[in-house]
Amino acid sequence: MFIEVKLGLAVMFFVWMLTRSLYKKATWLQLTIVGLQIFSVLLLIELSITHYFPEFLEAKWFIGVFFAAVFVIAAAKERYLSNSEKQREIN
């Protein structure tokens, strides 16, 4: 029962972090959001694989690194779009 509560909270935290936008935010806030997004996906993977899919324990870190890379690439895209729009506003 307790694992279902922890997993439910991890899913809610993950979904909430997916809705956070980095667009036109300060650098420190962008880094904080990306860090929390990566933490949320690693927590979700840890809880779900450890308790429900133990046959994937060896691939747990590979899966986590893949999803973390997705968040980092998405953050880099948002940062690039924010900077290019700021440049257009200046010009």
PDB file of N, CA and C in Angstrom:
ATOM      1  N   MET A   1       0.828  -1.198   0.000  1.00  0.00           N
ATOM      2  CA  MET A   1       0.000   0.000   0.000  1.00  0.00           C
ATOM      3  C   MET A   1       0.869   1.258   0.000  1.00  0.00           C
ATOM      4  N   PHE A   2       1.926   1.263   0.827  1.00  0.00           N
ATOM      5  CA  PHE A   2       2.757   2.456   0.929  1.00  0.00           C
ATOM      6  C   PHE A   2       3.475   2.765  -0.383  1.00  0.00           C
ATOM      7  N   ILE A   3       3.877   1.714  -1.130  1.00  0.00           N
ATOM      8  CA  ILE A   3       4.566   1.941  -2.400  1.00  0.00           C
ATOM      9  C   ILE A   3       3.624   2.571  -3.415  1.00  0.00           C
ATOM     10  N   GLU A   4       2.337   2.219  -3.378  1.00  0.00           N
ATOM     11  CA  GLU A   4       1.383   2.831  -4.294  1.00  0.00           C
ATOM     12  C   GLU A   4       1.226   4.325  -4.012  1.00  0.00           C
ATOM     13  N   VAL A   5       1.262   4.707  -2.745  1.00  0.00           N
ATOM     14  CA  VAL A   5       1.179   6.125  -2.383  1.00  0.00           C
ATOM     15  C   VAL A   5       2.421   6.857  -2.867  1.00  0.00           C
ATOM     16  N   LYS A   6       3.605   6.262  -2.620  1.00  0.00           N
ATOM     17  CA  LYS A   6       4.849   6.891  -3.072  1.00  0.00           C
ATOM     18  C   LYS A   6       4.879   7.003  -4.592  1.00  0.00           C
ATOM     19  N   LEU A   7       4.449   5.951  -5.278  1.00  0.00           N
ATOM     20  CA  LEU A   7       4.438   5.977  -6.738  1.00  0.00           C
ATOM     21  C   LEU A   7       3.424   6.987  -7.255  1.00  0.00           C
ATOM     22  N   GLY A   8       2.283   7.084  -6.619  1.00  0.00           N
ATOM     23  CA  GLY A   8       1.280   8.079  -7.016  1.00  0.00           C
ATOM     24  C   GLY A   8       1.800   9.501  -6.845  1.00  0.00           C
ATOM     25  N   LEU A   9       2.470   9.760  -5.724  1.00  0.00           N
ATOM     26  CA  LEU A   9       3.067  11.076  -5.506  1.00  0.00           C
ATOM     27  C   LEU A   9       4.165  11.361  -6.523  1.00  0.00           C
ATOM     28  N   ALA A  10       4.955  10.340  -6.853  1.00  0.00           N
ATOM     29  CA  ALA A  10       6.018  10.516  -7.841  1.00  0.00           C
ATOM     30  C   ALA A  10       5.433  10.824  -9.215  1.00  0.00           C
ATOM     31  N   VAL A  11       4.332  10.182  -9.568  1.00  0.00           N
ATOM     32  CA  VAL A  11       3.669  10.458 -10.851  1.00  0.00           C
ATOM     33  C   VAL A  11       3.125  11.879 -10.874  1.00  0.00           C
ATOM     34  N   MET A  12       2.496  12.303  -9.780  1.00  0.00           N
ATOM     35  CA  MET A  12       1.973  13.677  -9.732  1.00  0.00           C
ATOM     36  C   MET A  12       3.101  14.697  -9.828  1.00  0.00           C
ATOM     37  N   PHE A  13       4.206  14.455  -9.130  1.00  0.00           N
ATOM     38  CA  PHE A  13       5.350  15.355  -9.191  1.00  0.00           C
ATOM     39  C   PHE A  13       5.930  15.387 -10.601  1.00  0.00           C
ATOM     40  N   PHE A  14       6.022  14.227 -11.258  1.00  0.00           N
ATOM     41  CA  PHE A  14       6.532  14.138 -12.619  1.00  0.00           C
ATOM     42  C   PHE A  14       5.637  14.913 -13.587  1.00  0.00           C
ATOM     43  N   VAL A  15       4.340  14.725 -13.494  1.00  0.00           N
ATOM     44  CA  VAL A  15       3.407  15.433 -14.385  1.00  0.00           C
ATOM     45  C   VAL A  15       3.472  16.938 -14.125  1.00  0.00           C
ATOM     46  N   TRP A  16       3.571  17.325 -12.858  1.00  0.00           N
ATOM     47  CA  TRP A  16       3.665  18.745 -12.544  1.00  0.00           C
ATOM     48  C   TRP A  16       4.943  19.343 -13.128  1.00  0.00           C
ATOM     49  N   MET A  17       6.048  18.597 -13.065  1.00  0.00           N
ATOM     50  CA  MET A  17       7.313  19.097 -13.616  1.00  0.00           C
ATOM     51  C   MET A  17       7.261  19.163 -15.138  1.00  0.00           C
ATOM     52  N   LEU A  18       6.498  18.292 -15.782  1.00  0.00           N
ATOM     53  CA  LEU A  18       6.373  18.348 -17.237  1.00  0.00           C
ATOM     54  C   LEU A  18       5.647  19.605 -17.693  1.00  0.00           C
ATOM     55  N   THR A  19       4.798  20.147 -16.841  1.00  0.00           N
ATOM     56  CA  THR A  19       4.039  21.339 -17.229  1.00  0.00           C
ATOM     57  C   THR A  19       4.821  22.633 -17.010  1.00  0.00           C
ATOM     58  N   ARG A  20       5.966  22.567 -16.382  1.00  0.00           N
ATOM     59  CA  ARG A  20       6.770  23.776 -16.147  1.00  0.00           C
ATOM     60  C   ARG A  20       7.455  24.189 -17.437  1.00  0.00           C
ATOM     61  N   SER A  21       7.370  25.443 -17.754  1.00  0.00           N
ATOM     62  CA  SER A  21       8.014  25.970 -18.958  1.00  0.00           C
ATOM     63  C   SER A  21       9.272  26.730 -18.570  1.00  0.00           C
ATOM     64  N   LEU A  22      10.276  26.654 -19.427  1.00  0.00           N
ATOM     65  CA  LEU A  22      11.524  27.379 -19.196  1.00  0.00           C
ATOM     66  C   LEU A  22      11.571  28.666 -19.996  1.00  0.00           C
ATOM     67  N   TYR A  23      10.560  28.885 -20.786  1.00  0.00           N
ATOM     68  CA  TYR A  23      10.570  29.986 -21.733  1.00  0.00           C
ATOM     69  C   TYR A  23      10.592  31.330 -21.021  1.00  0.00           C
ATOM     70  N   LYS A  24      11.580  32.154 -21.355  1.00  0.00           N
ATOM     71  CA  LYS A  24      11.763  33.506 -20.819  1.00  0.00           C
ATOM     72  C   LYS A  24      11.897  33.534 -19.293  1.00  0.00           C
ATOM     73  N   LYS A  25      12.559  32.547 -18.733  1.00  0.00           N
ATOM     74  CA  LYS A  25      12.827  32.525 -17.301  1.00  0.00           C
ATOM     75  C   LYS A  25      14.308  32.847 -17.082  1.00  0.00           C
ATOM     76  N   ALA A  26      14.645  33.248 -15.877  1.00  0.00           N
ATOM     77  CA  ALA A  26      16.038  33.518 -15.527  1.00  0.00           C
ATOM     78  C   ALA A  26      16.840  32.216 -15.566  1.00  0.00           C
ATOM     79  N   THR A  27      18.144  32.341 -15.755  1.00  0.00           N
ATOM     80  CA  THR A  27      19.007  31.164 -15.890  1.00  0.00           C
ATOM     81  C   THR A  27      18.948  30.276 -14.657  1.00  0.00           C
ATOM     82  N   TRP A  28      19.004  30.863 -13.471  1.00  0.00           N
ATOM     83  CA  TRP A  28      18.977  30.054 -12.258  1.00  0.00           C
ATOM     84  C   TRP A  28      17.654  29.303 -12.135  1.00  0.00           C
ATOM     85  N   LEU A  29      16.566  29.916 -12.579  1.00  0.00           N
ATOM     86  CA  LEU A  29      15.265  29.261 -12.511  1.00  0.00           C
ATOM     87  C   LEU A  29      15.169  28.141 -13.545  1.00  0.00           C
ATOM     88  N   GLN A  30      15.751  28.351 -14.722  1.00  0.00           N
ATOM     89  CA  GLN A  30      15.791  27.300 -15.733  1.00  0.00           C
ATOM     90  C   GLN A  30      16.565  26.088 -15.227  1.00  0.00           C
ATOM     91  N   LEU A  31      17.718  26.333 -14.617  1.00  0.00           N
ATOM     92  CA  LEU A  31      18.528  25.228 -14.092  1.00  0.00           C
ATOM     93  C   LEU A  31      17.813  24.492 -12.959  1.00  0.00           C
ATOM     94  N   THR A  32      17.114  25.231 -12.116  1.00  0.00           N
ATOM     95  CA  THR A  32      16.358  24.616 -11.034  1.00  0.00           C
ATOM     96  C   THR A  32      15.244  23.740 -11.573  1.00  0.00           C
ATOM     97  N   ILE A  33      14.516  24.237 -12.558  1.00  0.00           N
ATOM     98  CA  ILE A  33      13.414  23.465 -13.138  1.00  0.00           C
ATOM     99  C   ILE A  33      13.938  22.206 -13.817  1.00  0.00           C
ATOM    100  N   VAL A  34      15.016  22.324 -14.578  1.00  0.00           N
ATOM    101  CA  VAL A  34      15.585  21.147 -15.244  1.00  0.00           C
ATOM    102  C   VAL A  34      16.069  20.138 -14.204  1.00  0.00           C
ATOM    103  N   GLY A  35      16.702  20.605 -13.154  1.00  0.00           N
ATOM    104  CA  GLY A  35      17.145  19.699 -12.093  1.00  0.00           C
ATOM    105  C   GLY A  35      15.986  18.970 -11.443  1.00  0.00           C
ATOM    106  N   LEU A  36      14.894  19.672 -11.177  1.00  0.00           N
ATOM    107  CA  LEU A  36      13.723  19.031 -10.588  1.00  0.00           C
ATOM    108  C   LEU A  36      13.052  18.073 -11.571  1.00  0.00           C
ATOM    109  N   GLN A  37      13.056  18.412 -12.864  1.00  0.00           N
ATOM    110  CA  GLN A  37      12.503  17.499 -13.864  1.00  0.00           C
ATOM    111  C   GLN A  37      13.311  16.206 -13.914  1.00  0.00           C
ATOM    112  N   ILE A  38      14.627  16.333 -13.905  1.00  0.00           N
ATOM    113  CA  ILE A  38      15.479  15.147 -13.931  1.00  0.00           C
ATOM    114  C   ILE A  38      15.281  14.325 -12.657  1.00  0.00           C
ATOM    115  N   PHE A  39      15.207  14.993 -11.515  1.00  0.00           N
ATOM    116  CA  PHE A  39      14.972  14.283 -10.254  1.00  0.00           C
ATOM    117  C   PHE A  39      13.637  13.555 -10.286  1.00  0.00           C
ATOM    118  N   SER A  40      12.602  14.198 -10.826  1.00  0.00           N
ATOM    119  CA  SER A  40      11.279  13.571 -10.850  1.00  0.00           C
ATOM    120  C   SER A  40      11.270  12.320 -11.716  1.00  0.00           C
ATOM    121  N   VAL A  41      11.920  12.371 -12.865  1.00  0.00           N
ATOM    122  CA  VAL A  41      11.924  11.189 -13.732  1.00  0.00           C
ATOM    123  C   VAL A  41      12.786  10.082 -13.134  1.00  0.00           C
ATOM    124  N   LEU A  42      13.899  10.421 -12.505  1.00  0.00           N
ATOM    125  CA  LEU A  42      14.726   9.394 -11.868  1.00  0.00           C
ATOM    126  C   LEU A  42      13.999   8.747 -10.691  1.00  0.00           C
ATOM    127  N   LEU A  43      13.265   9.536  -9.927  1.00  0.00           N
ATOM    128  CA  LEU A  43      12.484   8.998  -8.817  1.00  0.00           C
ATOM    129  C   LEU A  43      11.388   8.076  -9.331  1.00  0.00           C
ATOM    130  N   LEU A  44      10.709   8.483 -10.369  1.00  0.00           N
ATOM    131  CA  LEU A  44       9.651   7.654 -10.941  1.00  0.00           C
ATOM    132  C   LEU A  44      10.206   6.337 -11.492  1.00  0.00           C
ATOM    133  N   ILE A  45      11.334   6.405 -12.171  1.00  0.00           N
ATOM    134  CA  ILE A  45      11.959   5.189 -12.703  1.00  0.00           C
ATOM    135  C   ILE A  45      12.417   4.287 -11.564  1.00  0.00           C
ATOM    136  N   GLU A  46      13.038   4.877 -10.545  1.00  0.00           N
ATOM    137  CA  GLU A  46      13.515   4.093  -9.400  1.00  0.00           C
ATOM    138  C   GLU A  46      12.359   3.338  -8.734  1.00  0.00           C
ATOM    139  N   LEU A  47      11.274   4.034  -8.458  1.00  0.00           N
ATOM    140  CA  LEU A  47      10.157   3.396  -7.770  1.00  0.00           C
ATOM    141  C   LEU A  47       9.473   2.345  -8.640  1.00  0.00           C
ATOM    142  N   SER A  48       9.251   2.667  -9.897  1.00  0.00           N
ATOM    143  CA  SER A  48       8.499   1.726 -10.739  1.00  0.00           C
ATOM    144  C   SER A  48       9.326   0.499 -11.106  1.00  0.00           C
ATOM    145  N   ILE A  49      10.582   0.681 -11.455  1.00  0.00           N
ATOM    146  CA  ILE A  49      11.401  -0.473 -11.846  1.00  0.00           C
ATOM    147  C   ILE A  49      11.736  -1.344 -10.641  1.00  0.00           C
ATOM    148  N   THR A  50      12.064  -0.747  -9.527  1.00  0.00           N
ATOM    149  CA  THR A  50      12.433  -1.526  -8.357  1.00  0.00           C
ATOM    150  C   THR A  50      11.281  -2.402  -7.867  1.00  0.00           C
ATOM    151  N   HIS A  51      10.067  -1.872  -7.893  1.00  0.00           N
ATOM    152  CA  HIS A  51       8.946  -2.603  -7.305  1.00  0.00           C
ATOM    153  C   HIS A  51       8.078  -3.353  -8.308  1.00  0.00           C
ATOM    154  N   TYR A  52       8.015  -2.904  -9.543  1.00  0.00           N
ATOM    155  CA  TYR A  52       7.106  -3.531 -10.494  1.00  0.00           C
ATOM    156  C   TYR A  52       7.793  -4.233 -11.660  1.00  0.00           C
ATOM    157  N   PHE A  53       8.979  -3.803 -12.022  1.00  0.00           N
ATOM    158  CA  PHE A  53       9.699  -4.398 -13.147  1.00  0.00           C
ATOM    159  C   PHE A  53      11.136  -4.742 -12.752  1.00  0.00           C
ATOM    160  N   PRO A  54      11.328  -5.654 -11.812  1.00  0.00           N
ATOM    161  CA  PRO A  54      12.694  -5.951 -11.350  1.00  0.00           C
ATOM    162  C   PRO A  54      13.582  -6.563 -12.429  1.00  0.00           C
ATOM    163  N   GLU A  55      13.003  -7.080 -13.499  1.00  0.00           N
ATOM    164  CA  GLU A  55      13.829  -7.647 -14.566  1.00  0.00           C
ATOM    165  C   GLU A  55      14.608  -6.569 -15.325  1.00  0.00           C
ATOM    166  N   PHE A  56      14.236  -5.301 -15.157  1.00  0.00           N
ATOM    167  CA  PHE A  56      14.936  -4.202 -15.819  1.00  0.00           C
ATOM    168  C   PHE A  56      15.903  -3.466 -14.903  1.00  0.00           C
ATOM    169  N   LEU A  57      16.260  -4.057 -13.777  1.00  0.00           N
ATOM    170  CA  LEU A  57      17.145  -3.382 -12.821  1.00  0.00           C
ATOM    171  C   LEU A  57      18.490  -3.011 -13.429  1.00  0.00           C
ATOM    172  N   GLU A  58      19.022  -3.855 -14.305  1.00  0.00           N
ATOM    173  CA  GLU A  58      20.320  -3.555 -14.921  1.00  0.00           C
ATOM    174  C   GLU A  58      20.230  -2.364 -15.859  1.00  0.00           C
ATOM    175  N   ALA A  59      19.079  -2.137 -16.450  1.00  0.00           N
ATOM    176  CA  ALA A  59      18.904  -1.046 -17.414  1.00  0.00           C
ATOM    177  C   ALA A  59      18.368   0.232 -16.774  1.00  0.00           C
ATOM    178  N   LYS A  60      18.190   0.215 -15.453  1.00  0.00           N
ATOM    179  CA  LYS A  60      17.578   1.353 -14.764  1.00  0.00           C
ATOM    180  C   LYS A  60      18.346   2.653 -15.006  1.00  0.00           C
ATOM    181  N   TRP A  61      19.647   2.634 -14.879  1.00  0.00           N
ATOM    182  CA  TRP A  61      20.425   3.866 -15.033  1.00  0.00           C
ATOM    183  C   TRP A  61      20.497   4.303 -16.489  1.00  0.00           C
ATOM    184  N   PHE A  62      20.510   3.348 -17.406  1.00  0.00           N
ATOM    185  CA  PHE A  62      20.483   3.704 -18.824  1.00  0.00           C
ATOM    186  C   PHE A  62      19.177   4.412 -19.177  1.00  0.00           C
ATOM    187  N   ILE A  63      18.080   3.892 -18.669  1.00  0.00           N
ATOM    188  CA  ILE A  63      16.778   4.515 -18.913  1.00  0.00           C
ATOM    189  C   ILE A  63      16.741   5.906 -18.282  1.00  0.00           C
ATOM    190  N   GLY A  64      17.260   6.031 -17.067  1.00  0.00           N
ATOM    191  CA  GLY A  64      17.285   7.322 -16.385  1.00  0.00           C
ATOM    192  C   GLY A  64      18.130   8.351 -17.116  1.00  0.00           C
ATOM    193  N   VAL A  65      19.298   7.928 -17.603  1.00  0.00           N
ATOM    194  CA  VAL A  65      20.172   8.850 -18.340  1.00  0.00           C
ATOM    195  C   VAL A  65      19.506   9.285 -19.640  1.00  0.00           C
ATOM    196  N   PHE A  66      18.811   8.370 -20.309  1.00  0.00           N
ATOM    197  CA  PHE A  66      18.107   8.715 -21.538  1.00  0.00           C
ATOM    198  C   PHE A  66      17.058   9.792 -21.289  1.00  0.00           C
ATOM    199  N   PHE A  67      16.221   9.605 -20.266  1.00  0.00           N
ATOM    200  CA  PHE A  67      15.189  10.600 -19.983  1.00  0.00           C
ATOM    201  C   PHE A  67      15.781  11.907 -19.476  1.00  0.00           C
ATOM    202  N   ALA A  68      16.860  11.844 -18.723  1.00  0.00           N
ATOM    203  CA  ALA A  68      17.529  13.068 -18.288  1.00  0.00           C
ATOM    204  C   ALA A  68      18.068  13.833 -19.490  1.00  0.00           C
ATOM    205  N   ALA A  69      18.621  13.111 -20.469  1.00  0.00           N
ATOM    206  CA  ALA A  69      19.115  13.765 -21.684  1.00  0.00           C
ATOM    207  C   ALA A  69      17.982  14.425 -22.452  1.00  0.00           C
ATOM    208  N   VAL A  70      16.821  13.809 -22.463  1.00  0.00           N
ATOM    209  CA  VAL A  70      15.661  14.417 -23.122  1.00  0.00           C
ATOM    210  C   VAL A  70      15.320  15.753 -22.470  1.00  0.00           C
ATOM    211  N   PHE A  71      15.320  15.800 -21.141  1.00  0.00           N
ATOM    212  CA  PHE A  71      15.022  17.052 -20.446  1.00  0.00           C
ATOM    213  C   PHE A  71      16.096  18.105 -20.706  1.00  0.00           C
ATOM    214  N   VAL A  72      17.345  17.705 -20.726  1.00  0.00           N
ATOM    215  CA  VAL A  72      18.438  18.658 -20.968  1.00  0.00           C
ATOM    216  C   VAL A  72      18.355  19.212 -22.387  1.00  0.00           C
ATOM    217  N   ILE A  73      18.072  18.363 -23.362  1.00  0.00           N
ATOM    218  CA  ILE A  73      17.943  18.833 -24.751  1.00  0.00           C
ATOM    219  C   ILE A  73      16.746  19.771 -24.890  1.00  0.00           C
ATOM    220  N   ALA A  74      15.640  19.434 -24.256  1.00  0.00           N
ATOM    221  CA  ALA A  74      14.469  20.313 -24.299  1.00  0.00           C
ATOM    222  C   ALA A  74      14.770  21.654 -23.637  1.00  0.00           C
ATOM    223  N   ALA A  75      15.534  21.631 -22.546  1.00  0.00           N
ATOM    224  CA  ALA A  75      15.902  22.880 -21.878  1.00  0.00           C
ATOM    225  C   ALA A  75      16.817  23.722 -22.754  1.00  0.00           C
ATOM    226  N   ALA A  76      17.743  23.074 -23.449  1.00  0.00           N
ATOM    227  CA  ALA A  76      18.628  23.812 -24.346  1.00  0.00           C
ATOM    228  C   ALA A  76      17.831  24.463 -25.471  1.00  0.00           C
ATOM    229  N   LYS A  77      16.836  23.760 -25.982  1.00  0.00           N
ATOM    230  CA  LYS A  77      15.973  24.329 -27.026  1.00  0.00           C
ATOM    231  C   LYS A  77      15.204  25.536 -26.505  1.00  0.00           C
ATOM    232  N   GLU A  78      14.612  25.409 -25.316  1.00  0.00           N
ATOM    233  CA  GLU A  78      13.868  26.526 -24.724  1.00  0.00           C
ATOM    234  C   GLU A  78      14.786  27.724 -24.485  1.00  0.00           C
ATOM    235  N   ARG A  79      15.992  27.456 -24.018  1.00  0.00           N
ATOM    236  CA  ARG A  79      16.943  28.551 -23.769  1.00  0.00           C
ATOM    237  C   ARG A  79      17.327  29.237 -25.071  1.00  0.00           C
ATOM    238  N   TYR A  80      17.554  28.460 -26.119  1.00  0.00           N
ATOM    239  CA  TYR A  80      17.894  29.017 -27.420  1.00  0.00           C
ATOM    240  C   TYR A  80      16.737  29.876 -27.940  1.00  0.00           C
ATOM    241  N   LEU A  81      15.519  29.390 -27.827  1.00  0.00           N
ATOM    242  CA  LEU A  81      14.362  30.160 -28.294  1.00  0.00           C
ATOM    243  C   LEU A  81      14.184  31.444 -27.482  1.00  0.00           C
ATOM    244  N   SER A  82      14.404  31.359 -26.167  1.00  0.00           N
ATOM    245  CA  SER A  82      14.302  32.552 -25.322  1.00  0.00           C
ATOM    246  C   SER A  82      15.350  33.582 -25.722  1.00  0.00           C
ATOM    247  N   ASN A  83      16.597  33.124 -25.930  1.00  0.00           N
ATOM    248  CA  ASN A  83      17.671  34.058 -26.287  1.00  0.00           C
ATOM    249  C   ASN A  83      17.456  34.655 -27.662  1.00  0.00           C
ATOM    250  N   SER A  84      16.981  33.864 -28.619  1.00  0.00           N
ATOM    251  CA  SER A  84      16.782  34.407 -29.962  1.00  0.00           C
ATOM    252  C   SER A  84      15.638  35.418 -29.978  1.00  0.00           C
ATOM    253  N   GLU A  85      14.604  35.198 -29.164  1.00  0.00           N
ATOM    254  CA  GLU A  85      13.517  36.178 -29.104  1.00  0.00           C
ATOM    255  C   GLU A  85      13.975  37.461 -28.411  1.00  0.00           C
ATOM    256  N   LYS A  86      14.836  37.333 -27.395  1.00  0.00           N
ATOM    257  CA  LYS A  86      15.372  38.528 -26.748  1.00  0.00           C
ATOM    258  C   LYS A  86      16.204  39.338 -27.737  1.00  0.00           C
ATOM    259  N   GLN A  87      16.979  38.655 -28.577  1.00  0.00           N
ATOM    260  CA  GLN A  87      17.781  39.349 -29.589  1.00  0.00           C
ATOM    261  C   GLN A  87      16.880  40.075 -30.581  1.00  0.00           C
ATOM    262  N   ARG A  88      15.775  39.461 -30.971  1.00  0.00           N
ATOM    263  CA  ARG A  88      14.842  40.110 -31.896  1.00  0.00           C
ATOM    264  C   ARG A  88      14.211  41.335 -31.267  1.00  0.00           C
ATOM    265  N   GLU A  89      13.929  41.283 -29.963  1.00  0.00           N
ATOM    266  CA  GLU A  89      13.350  42.428 -29.284  1.00  0.00           C
ATOM    267  C   GLU A  89      14.345  43.590 -29.216  1.00  0.00           C
ATOM    268  N   ILE A  90      15.619  43.269 -29.054  1.00  0.00           N
ATOM    269  CA  ILE A  90      16.651  44.303 -28.984  1.00  0.00           C
ATOM    270  C   ILE A  90      16.811  44.978 -30.337  1.00  0.00           C
ATOM    271  N   ASN A  91      16.809  44.181 -31.400  1.00  0.00           N
ATOM    272  CA  ASN A  91      16.977  44.721 -32.760  1.00  0.00           C
ATOM    273  C   ASN A  91      15.679  45.260 -33.221  1.00  0.00           C
TER     274      ASN A  91
END
